[in-house]
Amino acid sequence: MTIYGYARISTPKQSIDRQIRNIKTAYPKAIILQDEFTGTKLSRPNFDKLLKIVVEGDMIVFDSVSRMSRNAADGFAVYQELYNRGVELVFLKEPQINTQTYKKAVASSVKLTGTAVDYILEGINKYLMELAKEQIRIAFEQAEKEVTDLHQRTKEGIITARLNGKQIGQQKGAKLTTKKSIAAKEIIRIHLIDFGGSLNNAECQRLAGISRNSFYKYKQELVLEQGQF
């Protein structure tokens, strides 16, 4: 049996480390696959890869059910597919819908007697199965609702802040200052030939370890700061 851990973040501000740490704490030997926000859309190439390589008896561990799918319908469909393939699913925050729990519900079904009473018992067994499925469906729907509610609260918070005159995000034309940008600009100021150094643009860019766009942006800022038009 191979144990896989899957982690996913849907916004650039989220940290994937917490999910990985939780999975590794519970299953130290888990092979971690992860997908991250791309900036344009949520892509899950590693999860798609995972669905192709898992075989019967393997295990996939998630920090929570919300990491498995974008929405409840997709999540429930994937759950059923993997369950039918014999893949164990573990949700650290929702253990009540682990596949082992589901299997116990199936195993505890009322045994048939071989008599006419079985018509009633079959109905009871079907009801128990539907009850178990409903618990799984509810977990996915709850996870989807929490994400939707969070987005709505964030949107409402931004609107409220703007109505109260608060600045949301960076002001247009404002410079974003970071430790990296400060260090890079200092290298440019000291070493670039335009400012009395000995390095040309390409050499100074490499020394600073920044992209071409960042280099020329910082250079222009230094020019403006020094009043060299």
Protein backbone atom coordinates (compact mmCIF):
# COMPACT_ATOMS: atom_id res chain seq x y z
CA MET A 1 0.00 0.00 0.00
CA THR A 2 1.25 3.46 -0.92
CA ILE A 3 0.16 6.40 1.20
CA TYR A 4 -0.25 9.72 -0.60
CA GLY A 5 -0.96 13.08 0.95
CA TYR A 6 -2.64 15.79 -1.11
CA ALA A 7 -2.52 19.49 -0.28
CA ARG A 8 -4.02 22.42 -2.17
CA ILE A 9 -4.33 26.17 -1.75
CA SER A 10 -6.74 28.33 -3.71
CA THR A 11 -5.36 31.82 -3.06
CA PRO A 12 -1.81 33.16 -3.12
CA LYS A 13 -2.15 34.37 0.49
CA GLN A 14 -2.74 30.87 1.86
CA SER A 15 0.10 28.70 3.15
CA ILE A 16 0.27 25.11 2.03
CA ASP A 17 2.79 24.23 4.75
CA ARG A 18 0.12 23.77 7.43
CA GLN A 19 -1.71 21.14 5.40
CA ILE A 20 1.50 19.26 4.64
CA ARG A 21 2.56 19.41 8.29
CA ASN A 22 -0.79 18.00 9.46
CA ILE A 23 -0.64 15.16 6.94
CA LYS A 24 2.99 14.30 7.77
CA THR A 25 2.23 14.34 11.49
CA ALA A 26 -0.50 11.74 11.04
CA TYR A 27 1.22 9.79 8.25
CA PRO A 28 5.01 10.42 8.27
CA LYS A 29 5.61 8.20 5.23
CA ALA A 30 3.01 9.90 3.05
CA ILE A 31 4.17 10.97 -0.42
CA ILE A 32 3.01 14.56 -0.77
CA LEU A 33 1.49 15.94 -3.96
CA GLN A 34 0.33 19.53 -4.03
CA ASP A 35 -1.31 22.10 -6.27
CA GLU A 36 -1.16 25.84 -5.84
CA PHE A 37 -2.98 28.90 -7.09
CA THR A 38 -1.58 29.91 -10.49
CA GLY A 39 -2.69 33.54 -10.53
CA THR A 40 -5.23 33.09 -13.33
CA LYS A 41 -7.14 29.93 -12.46
CA LEU A 42 -7.10 27.02 -10.09
CA SER A 43 -5.28 24.19 -11.80
CA ARG A 44 -4.95 20.71 -10.26
CA PRO A 45 -2.46 18.83 -12.46
CA ASN A 46 -1.00 16.88 -9.54
CA PHE A 47 -4.40 15.80 -8.27
CA ASP A 48 -5.33 14.65 -11.78
CA LYS A 49 -2.03 12.75 -11.85
CA LEU A 50 -2.81 11.22 -8.46
CA LEU A 51 -6.19 9.95 -9.68
CA LYS A 52 -4.39 8.10 -12.49
CA ILE A 53 -1.64 6.46 -10.43
CA VAL A 54 -3.52 5.27 -7.33
CA VAL A 55 -4.49 1.61 -7.27
CA GLU A 56 -6.60 -0.59 -5.04
CA GLY A 57 -5.26 -0.59 -1.51
CA ASP A 58 -3.55 2.79 -1.77
CA MET A 59 -4.46 5.63 0.57
CA ILE A 60 -4.94 9.37 -0.03
CA VAL A 61 -4.84 11.66 3.00
CA PHE A 62 -6.38 15.15 2.96
CA ASP A 63 -6.16 17.78 5.67
CA SER A 64 -9.85 18.45 5.08
CA VAL A 65 -12.60 17.54 2.66
CA SER A 66 -12.44 21.01 1.08
CA ARG A 67 -8.97 20.20 -0.29
CA MET A 68 -10.38 17.37 -2.40
CA SER A 69 -12.69 19.34 -4.64
CA ARG A 70 -13.86 22.77 -5.77
CA ASN A 71 -17.51 21.95 -5.08
CA ALA A 72 -19.75 19.39 -3.42
CA ALA A 73 -20.97 17.68 -6.60
CA ASP A 74 -17.47 17.07 -7.94
CA GLY A 75 -16.19 16.00 -4.54
CA PHE A 76 -18.90 13.42 -4.00
CA ALA A 77 -18.37 12.02 -7.51
CA VAL A 78 -14.61 11.67 -6.96
CA TYR A 79 -15.21 10.09 -3.54
CA GLN A 80 -17.49 7.46 -5.04
CA GLU A 81 -15.08 6.76 -7.88
CA LEU A 82 -12.12 6.21 -5.57
CA TYR A 83 -14.19 4.19 -3.10
CA ASN A 84 -15.31 1.86 -5.88
CA ARG A 85 -11.69 1.49 -6.99
CA GLY A 86 -10.70 0.35 -3.52
CA VAL A 87 -8.68 3.46 -2.62
CA GLU A 88 -8.71 4.46 1.04
CA LEU A 89 -9.61 8.10 1.71
CA VAL A 90 -8.71 9.85 4.95
CA PHE A 91 -9.90 13.34 5.93
CA LEU A 92 -8.08 14.52 9.04
CA LYS A 93 -10.70 17.11 9.97
CA GLU A 94 -13.76 15.02 8.97
CA PRO A 95 -12.94 11.44 10.04
CA GLN A 96 -16.64 10.59 10.04
CA ILE A 97 -16.53 10.31 6.22
CA ASN A 98 -13.30 8.35 5.88
CA THR A 99 -13.84 5.38 3.59
CA GLN A 100 -13.15 3.03 6.52
CA THR A 101 -16.11 4.60 8.33
CA TYR A 102 -18.23 4.15 5.22
CA LYS A 103 -17.17 0.52 4.94
CA LYS A 104 -18.13 -0.10 8.55
CA ALA A 105 -21.57 1.28 7.80
CA VAL A 106 -21.87 -1.13 4.90
CA ALA A 107 -20.56 -4.06 6.93
CA SER A 108 -23.00 -3.37 9.73
CA SER A 109 -25.98 -3.72 7.42
CA VAL A 110 -28.71 -6.04 8.61
CA LYS A 111 -28.05 -9.63 7.51
CA LEU A 112 -30.60 -11.27 5.27
CA THR A 113 -32.42 -14.35 6.58
CA GLY A 114 -33.45 -16.13 3.41
CA THR A 115 -37.10 -15.64 4.24
CA ALA A 116 -39.83 -13.22 3.20
CA VAL A 117 -38.58 -10.88 5.92
CA ASP A 118 -35.65 -10.11 3.61
CA TYR A 119 -37.87 -7.76 1.62
CA ILE A 120 -38.04 -5.55 4.70
CA LEU A 121 -34.37 -6.04 5.57
CA GLU A 122 -33.28 -5.07 2.05
CA GLY A 123 -35.21 -1.86 2.44
CA ILE A 124 -33.46 -1.18 5.76
CA ASN A 125 -30.04 -1.87 4.21
CA LYS A 126 -30.72 0.50 1.33
CA TYR A 127 -31.79 3.14 3.80
CA LEU A 128 -28.57 2.72 5.83
CA MET A 129 -26.50 3.02 2.65
CA GLU A 130 -28.33 6.17 1.60
CA LEU A 131 -27.83 7.57 5.10
CA ALA A 132 -24.08 6.99 4.87
CA LYS A 133 -23.96 8.59 1.41
CA GLU A 134 -25.91 11.56 2.72
CA GLN A 135 -23.36 12.14 5.48
CA ILE A 136 -20.59 12.26 2.87
CA ARG A 137 -22.60 14.59 0.64
CA ILE A 138 -23.35 16.90 3.59
CA ALA A 139 -19.64 17.14 4.47
CA PHE A 140 -18.77 18.28 0.94
CA GLU A 141 -21.68 20.71 0.83
CA GLN A 142 -20.69 22.19 4.18
CA ALA A 143 -17.10 22.68 2.98
CA GLU A 144 -18.35 24.39 -0.18
CA LYS A 145 -20.68 26.62 1.87
CA GLU A 146 -17.83 27.67 4.17
CA VAL A 147 -15.73 28.75 1.19
CA THR A 148 -18.67 30.66 -0.33
CA ASP A 149 -19.43 32.35 3.00
CA LEU A 150 -15.78 33.33 3.43
CA HIS A 151 -15.70 34.94 -0.01
CA GLN A 152 -18.92 36.80 0.75
CA ARG A 153 -17.65 38.04 4.12
CA THR A 154 -14.41 39.19 2.52
CA LYS A 155 -16.31 41.04 -0.21
CA GLU A 156 -18.61 42.68 2.32
CA GLY A 157 -15.64 43.63 4.51
CA ILE A 158 -13.91 45.35 1.60
CA ILE A 159 -17.07 47.28 0.71
CA THR A 160 -17.55 48.35 4.33
CA ALA A 161 -13.92 49.43 4.63
CA ARG A 162 -14.15 51.51 1.45
CA LEU A 163 -17.37 53.15 2.63
CA ASN A 164 -15.53 54.09 5.82
CA GLY A 165 -12.77 55.71 3.78
CA LYS A 166 -10.13 53.04 4.31
CA GLN A 167 -7.57 52.29 1.61
CA ILE A 168 -7.85 48.71 0.32
CA GLY A 169 -4.77 47.43 -1.44
CA GLN A 170 -1.90 49.50 -2.76
CA GLN A 171 -2.61 53.01 -3.92
CA LYS A 172 -2.13 53.65 -7.61
CA GLY A 173 1.39 54.85 -8.27
CA ALA A 174 2.64 53.81 -4.83
CA LYS A 175 5.92 51.92 -4.63
CA LEU A 176 5.94 48.49 -2.97
CA THR A 177 9.00 48.34 -0.73
CA THR A 178 10.40 44.99 0.38
CA LYS A 179 13.71 43.85 1.82
CA LYS A 180 14.55 42.31 -1.54
CA SER A 181 13.78 45.50 -3.45
CA ILE A 182 15.84 47.60 -1.02
CA ALA A 183 18.82 45.26 -1.37
CA ALA A 184 18.51 45.13 -5.16
CA LYS A 185 18.31 48.93 -5.48
CA GLU A 186 21.37 49.34 -3.30
CA ILE A 187 23.32 46.98 -5.57
CA ILE A 188 22.18 48.93 -8.61
CA ARG A 189 23.07 52.27 -7.00
CA ILE A 190 26.59 51.11 -6.11
CA HIS A 191 27.56 48.97 -9.10
CA LEU A 192 25.66 50.23 -12.16
CA ILE A 193 27.81 52.28 -14.51
CA ASP A 194 25.03 54.89 -14.80
CA PHE A 195 25.55 55.74 -11.12
CA GLY A 196 29.34 55.66 -11.14
CA GLY A 197 29.84 51.89 -10.86
CA SER A 198 31.56 49.50 -13.24
CA LEU A 199 28.77 47.12 -14.37
CA ASN A 200 26.48 47.42 -17.36
CA ASN A 201 22.74 46.75 -17.15
CA ALA A 202 22.90 43.00 -17.78
CA GLU A 203 25.79 42.45 -15.38
CA CYS A 204 24.15 44.48 -12.64
CA GLN A 205 20.85 42.67 -13.12
CA ARG A 206 22.57 39.30 -12.67
CA LEU A 207 24.41 40.54 -9.59
CA ALA A 208 21.16 41.73 -8.03
CA GLY A 209 19.45 38.43 -8.88
CA ILE A 210 16.27 40.03 -10.14
CA SER A 211 14.19 39.93 -13.31
CA ARG A 212 14.77 42.30 -16.22
CA ASN A 213 11.50 44.12 -15.53
CA SER A 214 12.35 44.58 -11.86
CA PHE A 215 15.83 45.80 -12.72
CA TYR A 216 14.61 48.57 -15.01
CA LYS A 217 11.82 49.46 -12.58
CA TYR A 218 14.29 49.89 -9.72
CA LYS A 219 16.73 51.73 -11.96
CA GLN A 220 14.01 54.21 -12.97
CA GLU A 221 13.05 54.72 -9.34
CA LEU A 222 16.69 55.49 -8.47
CA VAL A 223 16.90 57.95 -11.35
CA LEU A 224 13.80 59.77 -10.09
CA GLU A 225 15.03 59.69 -6.51
CA GLN A 226 18.30 61.32 -7.54
CA GLY A 227 16.60 63.83 -9.79
CA GLN A 228 18.37 62.63 -12.94
CA PHE A 229 15.83 63.16 -15.72
